[in-house]
Amino acid sequence: ADTKIKELTQELKASERKQAEIKAAMSSICIEGRNKYSKGAIQQDVADGIRELDMESAQEEDPDRFNPEEDLRDYAAVGKQLPVFCVSSRAYQKIRGRLQRDNNVGGFRSAEETGIPQLQAHCKKLTEAGRASNCRRFLTTISQVLNSLKLWASNDGTGIRLSDAALAAETRFLKQRLIALEKSLEKAVKDCLKDMNEALAEHIFENYPELVELAVSEANSTVGHWHRPVNRDNRALGGFYWATYKAIMRREGVFSNAQGTHDLNLQLIEPIIKHLASHWERVFAQRLPRVLQAFSRESKNLLARFHHEIEGRSMKIGAGVAGMALLGQQLKNYEAMFVALSQQLTEVINGLQRDANREFTPVVARNLATAYDWCTAESGPGQFKRMKDYMSTHVNDVKTDMFSESCNEVKRLLVAMCNQVEQTMTSRTDEVFMQMQRDYMEVVSGTQLPQGQMMPSWERKMRADVAKVLEDREKEAEEVEKAAEEEQRRNASAAAPARDVPSEEKPSAEKVKPEPEEARSSSSHSASEAGNMDLSQ
């Protein structure tokens, strides 16, 4: 009997283990299906939002030709480009050995199934563009400094072997061209800022009066929505219980409960934000980046024309040819500086415009602060009705000035953004110009000493030593580059499919098994699901 009981007990435990495995597999399948559905739904929602913005923009630009049945782009592809990560942080921590006192999270058999490693890899990927840009900027600066050192070290005081009169003429010509270049760069900066201000005025500032009027017309109905009787079957129809309304007043119009977040300030300003969204996106995602790119191209063209003029003059007189070759290399560094400046300003603008866009709501909160304080202090019988009456009256009294002040505050921040961009652009452009002026004056005018005088031997030796160090470092860099290219070719040949080798032939080298390449994910917006389907975009 005991033996039979032991056998049945073992069978029962085995059955329970198998049942637990089946249950875990079922949970895993359900989680996978849920995540797949969530990912598709979020991507579709984003695509629909972009489609709505495109439709609004197309209708405003050309109402006569607007066709709502014609898609302006492939929105299905737009949605699929959005990376979505459904994750469970509790399951990940449990699998990693944390939260040991908590129960196991069912349905997750490995850390990869929690989605956290994929999200971590995506977050790291998001920083690659910025880090690469910073590295390029650093290398450009290093290259520019080394070339300037080369130009300085190559001058031993003998100049470019011209007579004093010819040298003076070449110096005058160079100074004239430098003055013209400086004026042209200043004009390019002014034209760029003019285009930026015109884009902001056309798409944002000129729409303010109409949007303020729209918000004013909808303000009373929005307040009336707050003061409706509570609909228990559909809370979205509006209305608050006294306790909820009181909590909202205490927290300056923002409160979260089981029904979600209630932001009265945002609801009042929403007509402006919603109708301004397409214009805002068009300016900061399209117009301003194109304006900065145009500035970068114009600056590069100005530098190239200046260099060609000086180079042609040098070739004509047959002097300074070696120095011009170095200046040709230096020109690429200066052009790269303007490209980096354009990218840097784009990042600055993106950060400042986000800060400006968030200032619509705080202005509304400031204007309603007295009403919030009054309603918070109200007590006694009939207080709920008095609170609602006071809020309705206050919003009706201040709505015009409140919405105008909100728009003007955002306008002030955007104008300050343009001023900051102008200062940065002017400063960086002047810095590049001064470096160019130093290098070109070094080559054309040089440090030629009067006849009969020579540069001290210690200075000539110092310049020669600097030139020797630079030359040695260039050779070392070339050797490292060749070694890297050779290793890259070997890796490529090893990764290529091996051809059939006849039996009498013996391969000269062992095959190298290529390492697997890590998967790459696009860097875009992401959404995540934490724990039990907490999705955020």
Protein backbone atom coordinates (compact mmCIF):
# COMPACT_ATOMS: atom_id res chain seq x y z
CA ALA A 1 0.00 0.00 0.00
CA ASP A 2 2.81 2.39 0.92
CA THR A 3 4.53 1.68 -2.39
CA LYS A 4 1.32 2.35 -4.25
CA ILE A 5 0.84 5.64 -2.39
CA LYS A 6 4.41 6.73 -3.21
CA GLU A 7 3.90 5.93 -6.89
CA LEU A 8 0.63 7.82 -6.98
CA THR A 9 2.26 10.75 -5.14
CA GLN A 10 5.08 10.90 -7.69
CA GLU A 11 2.59 10.70 -10.54
CA LEU A 12 0.56 13.50 -8.94
CA LYS A 13 3.64 15.71 -8.58
CA ALA A 14 4.65 14.98 -12.17
CA SER A 15 1.13 15.82 -13.28
CA GLU A 16 1.20 19.05 -11.31
CA ARG A 17 4.55 20.02 -12.84
CA LYS A 18 3.22 19.26 -16.31
CA GLN A 19 0.08 21.25 -15.56
CA ALA A 20 2.21 24.20 -14.39
CA GLU A 21 4.28 24.00 -17.59
CA ILE A 22 1.14 23.92 -19.71
CA LYS A 23 -0.28 26.86 -17.77
CA ALA A 24 2.97 28.83 -18.21
CA ALA A 25 2.97 28.06 -21.93
CA MET A 26 -0.68 29.18 -22.20
CA SER A 27 0.12 32.39 -20.33
CA SER A 28 3.11 32.98 -22.60
CA ILE A 29 0.95 32.53 -25.70
CA CYS A 30 -1.69 34.88 -24.29
CA ILE A 31 0.91 37.52 -23.41
CA GLU A 32 2.47 37.24 -26.85
CA GLY A 33 -0.92 37.64 -28.51
CA ARG A 34 -1.83 40.56 -26.28
CA ASN A 35 1.48 42.31 -26.98
CA LYS A 36 1.12 41.72 -30.71
CA TYR A 37 -2.34 43.25 -30.69
CA SER A 38 -1.22 46.18 -28.53
CA LYS A 39 1.72 46.91 -30.79
CA GLY A 40 -0.45 46.97 -33.88
CA ALA A 41 -3.11 49.10 -32.18
CA ILE A 42 -0.58 51.68 -31.00
CA GLN A 43 1.07 51.88 -34.41
CA GLN A 44 -2.32 52.26 -36.07
CA ASP A 45 -3.32 54.97 -33.59
CA VAL A 46 -0.15 56.94 -34.32
CA ALA A 47 -0.67 56.54 -38.07
CA ASP A 48 -4.27 57.79 -37.74
CA GLY A 49 -3.09 60.80 -35.75
CA ILE A 50 -0.52 61.70 -38.41
CA ARG A 51 -3.16 61.23 -41.12
CA GLU A 52 -5.47 63.64 -39.27
CA LEU A 53 -2.72 66.26 -39.02
CA ASP A 54 -1.90 65.87 -42.73
CA MET A 55 -5.55 66.26 -43.66
CA GLU A 56 -5.89 69.44 -41.62
CA SER A 57 -2.74 70.90 -43.18
CA ALA A 58 -3.83 69.99 -46.72
CA GLN A 59 -7.26 71.50 -46.19
CA GLU A 60 -5.82 74.76 -44.85
CA GLU A 61 -3.24 75.07 -47.63
CA ASP A 62 -5.57 74.44 -50.59
CA PRO A 63 -9.27 73.86 -49.76
CA ASP A 64 -10.25 73.68 -53.45
CA ARG A 65 -7.97 70.73 -54.24
CA PHE A 66 -8.30 68.97 -50.91
CA ASN A 67 -9.36 65.34 -51.37
CA PRO A 68 -9.94 63.47 -48.07
CA GLU A 69 -10.11 60.14 -49.93
CA GLU A 70 -6.52 60.46 -51.17
CA ASP A 71 -3.71 59.59 -48.76
CA LEU A 72 -0.75 61.96 -48.81
CA ARG A 73 1.65 59.16 -47.81
CA ASP A 74 1.72 55.49 -46.89
CA TYR A 75 0.34 55.63 -43.36
CA ALA A 76 0.61 51.87 -42.87
CA ALA A 77 4.36 52.15 -43.42
CA VAL A 78 4.48 55.18 -41.11
CA GLY A 79 2.86 53.15 -38.34
CA LYS A 80 5.18 50.18 -38.82
CA GLN A 81 8.21 52.47 -38.48
CA LEU A 82 7.22 53.20 -34.87
CA PRO A 83 9.03 50.84 -32.48
CA VAL A 84 6.68 49.59 -29.75
CA PHE A 85 7.93 47.59 -26.76
CA CYS A 86 5.52 45.70 -24.51
CA VAL A 87 7.47 45.09 -21.32
CA SER A 88 7.04 43.70 -17.81
CA SER A 89 9.46 45.27 -15.36
CA ARG A 90 8.34 43.05 -12.46
CA ALA A 91 8.93 39.84 -14.42
CA TYR A 92 12.34 41.11 -15.57
CA GLN A 93 13.43 41.96 -12.04
CA LYS A 94 12.15 38.64 -10.76
CA ILE A 95 14.08 36.71 -13.43
CA ARG A 96 17.21 38.75 -12.62
CA GLY A 97 17.04 37.68 -8.99
CA ARG A 98 15.38 40.72 -7.48
CA LEU A 99 12.02 40.94 -5.67
CA GLN A 100 12.71 37.57 -4.05
CA ARG A 101 9.82 37.91 -1.62
CA ASP A 102 7.30 38.45 -4.41
CA ASN A 103 5.49 35.65 -6.18
CA ASN A 104 6.66 34.55 -9.63
CA VAL A 105 5.17 36.38 -12.58
CA GLY A 106 3.60 33.76 -14.81
CA GLY A 107 4.10 33.57 -18.55
CA PHE A 108 7.71 34.75 -18.71
CA ARG A 109 10.35 32.07 -19.09
CA SER A 110 13.36 34.26 -19.95
CA ALA A 111 14.48 37.86 -19.65
CA GLU A 112 14.07 38.37 -23.41
CA GLU A 113 10.36 37.58 -23.18
CA THR A 114 9.87 40.52 -20.79
CA GLY A 115 10.87 42.97 -23.54
CA ILE A 116 13.23 44.89 -21.25
CA PRO A 117 16.49 43.87 -23.03
CA GLN A 118 15.02 44.96 -26.37
CA LEU A 119 13.93 48.29 -24.90
CA GLN A 120 17.39 48.81 -23.37
CA ALA A 121 19.04 48.13 -26.72
CA HIS A 122 16.68 50.61 -28.40
CA CYS A 123 17.45 53.31 -25.81
CA LYS A 124 21.16 52.83 -26.42
CA LYS A 125 20.52 53.06 -30.16
CA LEU A 126 18.79 56.42 -29.71
CA THR A 127 22.04 57.99 -28.50
CA GLU A 128 24.14 56.82 -31.44
CA ALA A 129 23.33 59.77 -33.72
CA GLY A 130 24.20 62.32 -31.03
CA ARG A 131 27.40 60.55 -30.01
CA ALA A 132 28.48 60.18 -33.64
CA SER A 133 27.82 63.87 -34.24
CA ASN A 134 29.87 64.85 -31.18
CA CYS A 135 32.73 62.59 -32.29
CA ARG A 136 32.71 64.06 -35.79
CA ARG A 137 32.72 67.55 -34.33
CA PHE A 138 35.68 66.68 -32.12
CA LEU A 139 37.64 65.10 -34.98
CA THR A 140 36.92 68.10 -37.21
CA THR A 141 38.27 70.44 -34.54
CA ILE A 142 41.39 68.30 -34.07
CA SER A 143 41.99 68.20 -37.82
CA GLN A 144 41.57 71.96 -38.04
CA VAL A 145 44.08 72.56 -35.23
CA LEU A 146 46.63 70.17 -36.76
CA ASN A 147 46.36 71.82 -40.17
CA SER A 148 46.83 75.23 -38.59
CA LEU A 149 49.96 73.92 -36.86
CA LYS A 150 51.22 72.60 -40.20
CA LEU A 151 50.76 75.99 -41.81
CA TRP A 152 52.58 77.68 -38.95
CA ALA A 153 55.41 75.12 -38.81
CA SER A 154 56.00 75.21 -42.57
CA ASN A 155 56.83 78.94 -42.47
CA ASP A 156 60.51 79.52 -41.74
CA GLY A 157 60.39 83.30 -42.11
CA THR A 158 61.36 83.48 -45.79
CA GLY A 159 57.77 84.16 -46.84
CA ILE A 160 56.60 83.28 -50.33
CA ARG A 161 59.66 84.82 -52.01
CA LEU A 162 57.97 87.97 -53.36
CA SER A 163 59.22 91.52 -53.47
CA ASP A 164 57.99 93.86 -50.78
CA ALA A 165 55.67 95.63 -53.24
CA ALA A 166 54.21 92.36 -54.57
CA LEU A 167 53.75 91.00 -51.08
CA ALA A 168 51.96 94.18 -50.01
CA ALA A 169 49.67 93.91 -53.06
CA GLU A 170 48.81 90.28 -52.28
CA THR A 171 48.14 91.17 -48.65
CA ARG A 172 45.78 94.00 -49.70
CA PHE A 173 43.94 91.66 -52.08
CA LEU A 174 43.57 89.02 -49.36
CA LYS A 175 42.28 91.55 -46.84
CA GLN A 176 39.70 92.82 -49.33
CA ARG A 177 38.47 89.32 -50.02
CA LEU A 178 38.36 88.57 -46.28
CA ILE A 179 36.26 91.68 -45.66
CA ALA A 180 33.89 90.62 -48.46
CA LEU A 181 33.69 87.11 -47.01
CA GLU A 182 32.90 88.45 -43.55
CA LYS A 183 30.08 90.60 -44.92
CA SER A 184 28.71 87.69 -46.93
CA LEU A 185 28.69 85.42 -43.89
CA GLU A 186 26.95 88.10 -41.84
CA LYS A 187 24.33 88.44 -44.57
CA ALA A 188 23.84 84.66 -44.64
CA VAL A 189 23.22 84.69 -40.88
CA LYS A 190 20.72 87.56 -41.17
CA ASP A 191 18.90 85.88 -44.07
CA CYS A 192 18.66 82.65 -42.08
CA LEU A 193 17.19 84.41 -39.04
CA LYS A 194 14.82 86.36 -41.29
CA ASP A 195 13.51 83.13 -42.81
CA MET A 196 13.10 81.60 -39.35
CA ASN A 197 11.10 84.57 -38.06
CA GLU A 198 8.96 84.62 -41.18
CA ALA A 199 8.18 80.91 -40.80
CA LEU A 200 7.16 81.41 -37.16
CA ALA A 201 5.02 84.42 -38.01
CA GLU A 202 3.33 82.76 -40.99
CA HIS A 203 2.46 79.45 -39.36
CA ILE A 204 2.11 80.30 -35.67
CA PHE A 205 1.88 83.96 -34.69
CA GLU A 206 -0.58 85.00 -37.44
CA ASN A 207 -2.97 82.23 -36.32
CA TYR A 208 -3.12 83.46 -32.73
CA PRO A 209 -6.10 85.88 -33.08
CA GLU A 210 -8.30 83.24 -34.70
CA LEU A 211 -7.28 80.57 -32.19
CA VAL A 212 -7.83 82.89 -29.20
CA GLU A 213 -11.31 83.65 -30.49
CA LEU A 214 -12.00 79.93 -30.89
CA ALA A 215 -10.84 79.16 -27.35
CA VAL A 216 -12.93 82.04 -25.95
CA SER A 217 -16.03 80.76 -27.73
CA GLU A 218 -15.59 77.24 -26.31
CA ALA A 219 -14.54 78.20 -22.77
CA ASN A 220 -18.02 78.48 -21.27
CA SER A 221 -19.15 75.18 -22.77
CA THR A 222 -16.00 73.51 -21.37
CA VAL A 223 -16.79 74.84 -17.89
CA GLY A 224 -20.39 73.73 -18.32
CA HIS A 225 -19.08 70.24 -19.10
CA TRP A 226 -17.38 70.19 -15.69
CA HIS A 227 -20.59 71.25 -13.92
CA ARG A 228 -22.97 68.74 -15.48
CA PRO A 229 -24.68 66.18 -13.25
CA VAL A 230 -22.55 63.05 -12.92
CA ASN A 231 -23.49 60.32 -15.39
CA ARG A 232 -22.77 57.05 -13.63
CA ASP A 233 -23.09 55.01 -16.82
CA ASN A 234 -20.71 57.17 -18.86
CA ARG A 235 -18.38 59.35 -16.81
CA ALA A 236 -16.86 60.80 -19.98
CA LEU A 237 -20.03 62.88 -20.45
CA GLY A 238 -18.75 65.17 -17.73
CA GLY A 239 -19.57 66.18 -14.22
CA PHE A 240 -17.68 65.70 -10.96
CA TYR A 241 -18.66 64.61 -7.50
CA TRP A 242 -18.09 67.22 -4.81
CA ALA A 243 -15.06 65.39 -3.37
CA THR A 244 -13.42 65.10 -6.80
CA TYR A 245 -14.14 68.74 -7.66
CA LYS A 246 -12.73 69.88 -4.31
CA ALA A 247 -9.59 67.79 -4.87
CA ILE A 248 -9.13 69.35 -8.31
CA MET A 249 -9.44 72.85 -6.83
CA ARG A 250 -6.87 72.07 -4.14
CA ARG A 251 -4.38 70.85 -6.76
CA GLU A 252 -4.69 73.89 -9.05
CA GLY A 253 -6.85 72.18 -11.63
CA VAL A 254 -4.99 68.86 -11.99
CA PHE A 255 -6.02 65.65 -10.22
CA SER A 256 -5.86 61.93 -10.99
CA ASN A 257 -8.24 59.24 -9.77
CA ALA A 258 -9.73 55.97 -11.01
CA GLN A 259 -11.34 57.78 -13.97
CA GLY A 260 -7.96 59.11 -15.13
CA THR A 261 -6.26 62.49 -15.05
CA HIS A 262 -8.44 65.59 -14.87
CA ASP A 263 -6.60 68.71 -16.11
CA LEU A 264 -8.99 71.66 -16.25
CA ASN A 265 -6.25 74.03 -17.47
CA LEU A 266 -5.43 71.80 -20.41
CA GLN A 267 -9.10 71.38 -21.32
CA LEU A 268 -9.53 75.15 -21.56
CA ILE A 269 -6.45 75.69 -23.73
CA GLU A 270 -6.97 72.53 -25.80
CA PRO A 271 -8.71 74.30 -28.76
CA ILE A 272 -5.55 76.37 -29.30
CA ILE A 273 -3.12 73.48 -28.88
CA LYS A 274 -5.15 71.13 -31.07
CA HIS A 275 -5.59 73.52 -34.00
CA LEU A 276 -2.01 74.76 -33.74
CA ALA A 277 -0.51 71.24 -33.77
CA SER A 278 -0.27 70.87 -37.56
CA HIS A 279 1.25 74.35 -37.97
CA TRP A 280 3.69 73.69 -35.14
CA GLU A 281 4.79 70.39 -36.69
CA ARG A 282 5.22 71.98 -40.11
CA VAL A 283 7.45 74.74 -38.75
CA PHE A 284 9.73 72.79 -36.44
CA ALA A 285 9.86 69.48 -38.29
CA GLN A 286 10.06 70.83 -41.83
CA ARG A 287 10.58 74.56 -42.35
CA LEU A 288 13.26 75.42 -39.78
CA PRO A 289 15.45 72.36 -40.52
CA ARG A 290 15.36 73.32 -44.21
CA VAL A 291 16.27 76.91 -43.37
CA LEU A 292 19.30 75.76 -41.36
CA GLN A 293 20.35 73.36 -44.10
CA ALA A 294 20.12 76.21 -46.62
CA PHE A 295 22.36 78.32 -44.35
CA SER A 296 24.88 75.49 -44.19
CA ARG A 297 24.94 75.15 -47.99
CA GLU A 298 25.25 78.91 -48.51
CA SER A 299 28.12 79.14 -46.01
CA LYS A 300 29.97 76.27 -47.69
CA ASN A 301 29.51 77.94 -51.10
CA LEU A 302 30.86 81.24 -49.77
CA LEU A 303 33.95 79.53 -48.33
CA ALA A 304 34.53 77.59 -51.55
CA ARG A 305 34.29 80.73 -53.73
CA PHE A 306 36.65 82.60 -51.43
CA HIS A 307 39.19 79.76 -51.52
CA HIS A 308 39.03 79.46 -55.31
CA GLU A 309 39.66 83.19 -55.69
CA ILE A 310 42.70 83.12 -53.42
CA GLU A 311 43.95 79.88 -54.97
CA GLY A 312 43.60 81.29 -58.49
CA ARG A 313 45.50 84.40 -57.50
CA SER A 314 48.26 82.26 -55.92
CA MET A 315 48.56 80.10 -59.03
CA LYS A 316 48.73 83.22 -61.19
CA ILE A 317 51.76 84.60 -59.35
CA GLY A 318 53.26 81.14 -58.82
CA ALA A 319 53.79 81.44 -55.10
CA GLY A 320 52.41 79.74 -52.01
CA VAL A 321 51.30 76.61 -53.90
CA ALA A 322 52.21 74.22 -51.06
CA GLY A 323 50.38 76.37 -48.53
CA MET A 324 47.30 76.47 -50.76
CA ALA A 325 47.23 72.69 -50.83
CA LEU A 326 47.08 72.67 -47.03
CA LEU A 327 44.38 75.35 -47.09
CA GLY A 328 42.40 73.14 -49.46
CA GLN A 329 42.44 70.42 -46.81
CA GLN A 330 41.57 72.96 -44.14
CA LEU A 331 38.60 74.16 -46.20
CA LYS A 332 36.87 70.79 -45.70
CA ASN A 333 37.19 71.23 -41.95
CA TYR A 334 35.61 74.67 -42.09
CA GLU A 335 32.75 73.34 -44.21
CA ALA A 336 32.24 70.50 -41.72
CA MET A 337 32.06 73.08 -38.94
CA PHE A 338 29.09 74.76 -40.59
CA VAL A 339 27.37 71.40 -41.07
CA ALA A 340 27.92 70.63 -37.38
CA LEU A 341 26.64 74.11 -36.48
CA SER A 342 23.43 73.45 -38.40
CA GLN A 343 22.91 70.14 -36.59
CA GLN A 344 23.69 71.71 -33.22
CA LEU A 345 21.19 74.53 -33.79
CA THR A 346 18.53 72.03 -34.83
CA GLU A 347 18.97 70.23 -31.50
CA VAL A 348 18.83 73.53 -29.61
CA ILE A 349 15.64 74.56 -31.43
CA ASN A 350 13.98 71.20 -30.76
CA GLY A 351 14.65 71.53 -27.04
CA LEU A 352 13.50 75.16 -26.80
CA GLN A 353 10.35 74.64 -28.86
CA ARG A 354 9.30 71.77 -26.60
CA ASP A 355 9.74 74.02 -23.56
CA ALA A 356 7.75 76.78 -25.26
CA ASN A 357 4.93 74.42 -26.22
CA ARG A 358 4.50 73.41 -22.58
CA GLU A 359 3.87 77.02 -21.48
CA PHE A 360 0.32 77.29 -22.82
CA THR A 361 -1.15 75.50 -19.80
CA PRO A 362 0.81 77.13 -16.90
CA VAL A 363 -0.44 80.57 -17.97
CA VAL A 364 -4.04 79.34 -17.73
CA ALA A 365 -3.29 77.87 -14.29
CA ARG A 366 -1.90 81.23 -13.12
CA ASN A 367 -5.01 83.06 -14.30
CA LEU A 368 -7.29 80.60 -12.53
CA ALA A 369 -5.21 80.52 -9.33
CA THR A 370 -7.52 82.95 -7.47
CA ALA A 371 -10.56 80.87 -8.42
CA TYR A 372 -8.86 77.69 -7.25
CA ASP A 373 -7.95 79.29 -3.92
CA TRP A 374 -11.47 80.68 -3.45
CA CYS A 375 -13.12 77.34 -4.18
CA THR A 376 -10.67 75.53 -1.90
CA ALA A 377 -11.50 77.85 1.00
CA GLU A 378 -15.26 77.63 0.49
CA SER A 379 -17.19 75.64 3.11
CA GLY A 380 -20.63 75.24 4.63
CA PRO A 381 -24.04 74.35 3.16
CA GLY A 382 -24.41 75.05 -0.56
CA GLN A 383 -20.67 75.33 -1.06
CA PHE A 384 -20.61 73.07 -4.14
CA LYS A 385 -23.06 75.33 -6.01
CA ARG A 386 -21.18 78.45 -4.95
CA MET A 387 -17.89 76.90 -6.09
CA LYS A 388 -19.28 76.09 -9.53
CA ASP A 389 -20.92 79.51 -9.88
CA TYR A 390 -17.70 81.31 -8.92
CA MET A 391 -15.61 79.23 -11.32
CA SER A 392 -18.04 79.87 -14.21
CA THR A 393 -18.05 83.62 -13.53
CA HIS A 394 -14.27 83.82 -13.15
CA VAL A 395 -13.54 81.94 -16.40
CA ASN A 396 -16.06 84.11 -18.26
CA ASP A 397 -14.39 87.28 -16.94
CA VAL A 398 -10.75 86.37 -17.66
CA LYS A 399 -10.99 84.08 -20.70
CA THR A 400 -10.07 86.64 -23.36
CA ASP A 401 -7.06 88.06 -21.53
CA MET A 402 -6.07 84.60 -20.30
CA PHE A 403 -5.84 83.00 -23.74
CA SER A 404 -4.13 86.06 -25.22
CA GLU A 405 -1.58 86.03 -22.42
CA SER A 406 -0.97 82.31 -22.95
CA CYS A 407 -0.25 82.80 -26.66
CA ASN A 408 1.91 85.86 -26.00
CA GLU A 409 3.97 83.92 -23.45
CA VAL A 410 4.69 81.20 -26.01
CA LYS A 411 5.48 83.88 -28.59
CA ARG A 412 7.94 85.50 -26.19
CA LEU A 413 9.72 82.19 -25.68
CA LEU A 414 9.91 81.51 -29.41
CA VAL A 415 11.31 84.99 -30.07
CA ALA A 416 13.88 84.40 -27.30
CA MET A 417 14.70 81.10 -29.02
CA CYS A 418 15.42 82.95 -32.26
CA ASN A 419 17.62 85.44 -30.41
CA GLN A 420 19.60 82.62 -28.80
CA VAL A 421 20.01 80.91 -32.18
CA GLU A 422 21.18 84.21 -33.68
CA GLN A 423 23.78 84.71 -30.95
CA THR A 424 25.09 81.17 -31.30
CA MET A 425 25.15 81.34 -35.09
CA THR A 426 26.88 84.72 -35.13
CA SER A 427 29.46 83.66 -32.55
CA ARG A 428 30.32 80.36 -34.28
CA THR A 429 30.42 81.95 -37.74
CA ASP A 430 32.75 84.69 -36.48
CA GLU A 431 34.94 82.06 -34.84
CA VAL A 432 35.29 80.13 -38.10
CA PHE A 433 36.01 83.36 -39.98
CA MET A 434 38.78 84.37 -37.55
CA GLN A 435 40.41 80.96 -37.89
CA MET A 436 40.25 81.21 -41.69
CA GLN A 437 41.69 84.71 -41.61
CA ARG A 438 44.61 83.52 -39.46
CA ASP A 439 45.39 80.56 -41.73
CA TYR A 440 45.15 82.44 -45.02
CA MET A 441 47.18 85.37 -43.71
CA GLU A 442 49.81 82.86 -42.54
CA VAL A 443 50.08 81.42 -46.04
CA VAL A 444 49.81 84.58 -48.14
CA SER A 445 51.54 87.16 -45.95
CA GLY A 446 53.43 84.75 -43.73
CA THR A 447 56.04 85.97 -41.30
CA GLN A 448 58.43 87.15 -43.96
CA LEU A 449 61.18 89.18 -42.33
CA PRO A 450 62.79 92.26 -43.85
CA GLN A 451 65.74 91.69 -46.16
CA GLY A 452 68.95 91.01 -44.30
CA GLN A 453 67.18 89.57 -41.27
CA MET A 454 66.64 85.93 -40.43
CA MET A 455 64.40 84.05 -38.03
CA PRO A 456 66.32 82.99 -34.90
CA SER A 457 67.72 79.47 -35.08
CA TRP A 458 65.81 78.36 -31.98
CA GLU A 459 62.50 79.38 -33.59
CA ARG A 460 63.36 77.67 -36.89
CA LYS A 461 64.29 74.52 -34.95
CA MET A 462 61.08 74.67 -32.95
CA ARG A 463 58.97 74.94 -36.11
CA ALA A 464 60.92 72.13 -37.74
CA ASP A 465 60.42 69.91 -34.68
CA VAL A 466 56.67 70.59 -34.70
CA ALA A 467 56.52 69.78 -38.41
CA LYS A 468 58.45 66.55 -37.79
CA VAL A 469 56.08 65.49 -35.00
CA LEU A 470 53.05 66.16 -37.20
CA GLU A 471 54.58 64.24 -40.08
CA ASP A 472 55.38 61.24 -37.86
CA ARG A 473 51.86 61.20 -36.46
CA GLU A 474 50.41 61.30 -39.97
CA LYS A 475 52.47 58.27 -40.94
CA GLU A 476 51.33 56.40 -37.84
CA ALA A 477 47.71 57.28 -38.60
CA GLU A 478 48.09 56.03 -42.18
CA GLU A 479 49.55 52.74 -40.94
CA VAL A 480 46.69 52.28 -38.46
CA GLU A 481 44.16 53.05 -41.19
CA LYS A 482 45.76 50.56 -43.58
CA ALA A 483 45.80 47.88 -40.87
CA ALA A 484 42.11 48.51 -40.14
CA GLU A 485 41.23 48.28 -43.84
CA GLU A 486 43.20 45.06 -44.18
CA GLU A 487 41.45 43.54 -41.18
CA GLN A 488 38.09 44.62 -42.57
CA ARG A 489 38.88 42.94 -45.89
CA ARG A 490 39.91 39.73 -44.10
CA ASN A 491 36.70 39.71 -42.10
CA ALA A 492 34.66 40.31 -45.23
CA SER A 493 36.36 37.48 -47.10
CA ALA A 494 35.90 35.16 -44.12
CA ALA A 495 32.21 36.03 -43.92
CA ALA A 496 31.68 35.36 -47.64
CA PRO A 497 30.39 31.86 -48.62
CA ALA A 498 33.31 29.45 -49.03
CA ARG A 499 33.85 28.19 -52.58
CA ASP A 500 34.26 24.50 -53.29
CA VAL A 501 37.90 23.46 -52.89
CA PRO A 502 39.14 20.50 -54.99
CA SER A 503 40.34 17.53 -52.98
CA GLU A 504 43.92 17.92 -54.17
CA GLU A 505 43.99 21.55 -53.08
CA LYS A 506 44.69 22.40 -49.50
CA PRO A 507 43.30 25.65 -48.17
CA SER A 508 46.02 28.07 -47.20
CA ALA A 509 44.23 29.33 -44.13
CA GLU A 510 41.61 28.15 -41.70
CA LYS A 511 38.10 29.36 -42.16
CA VAL A 512 37.05 31.93 -39.65
CA LYS A 513 33.52 31.59 -38.44
CA PRO A 514 31.90 35.04 -38.54
CA GLU A 515 30.35 36.32 -35.38
CA PRO A 516 26.60 36.95 -35.53
CA GLU A 517 25.67 40.52 -36.24
CA GLU A 518 23.52 42.22 -33.70
CA ALA A 519 20.03 43.17 -34.80
CA ARG A 520 19.46 46.81 -35.51
CA SER A 521 16.36 48.68 -34.59
CA SER A 522 15.24 52.02 -35.96
CA SER A 523 15.51 55.01 -33.62
CA SER A 524 12.11 56.60 -33.40
CA HIS A 525 9.43 57.11 -30.81
CA SER A 526 8.75 54.11 -28.58
CA ALA A 527 5.91 52.82 -26.46
CA SER A 528 6.12 50.35 -23.61
CA GLU A 529 3.88 48.08 -21.58
CA ALA A 530 4.96 47.75 -17.97
CA GLY A 531 3.59 44.85 -16.00
CA ASN A 532 -0.07 44.36 -16.82
CA MET A 533 -0.36 46.24 -20.11
CA ASP A 534 0.58 49.78 -18.95
CA LEU A 535 1.15 51.21 -22.41
CA SER A 536 2.66 54.62 -22.99
CA GLN A 537 3.64 56.27 -26.21
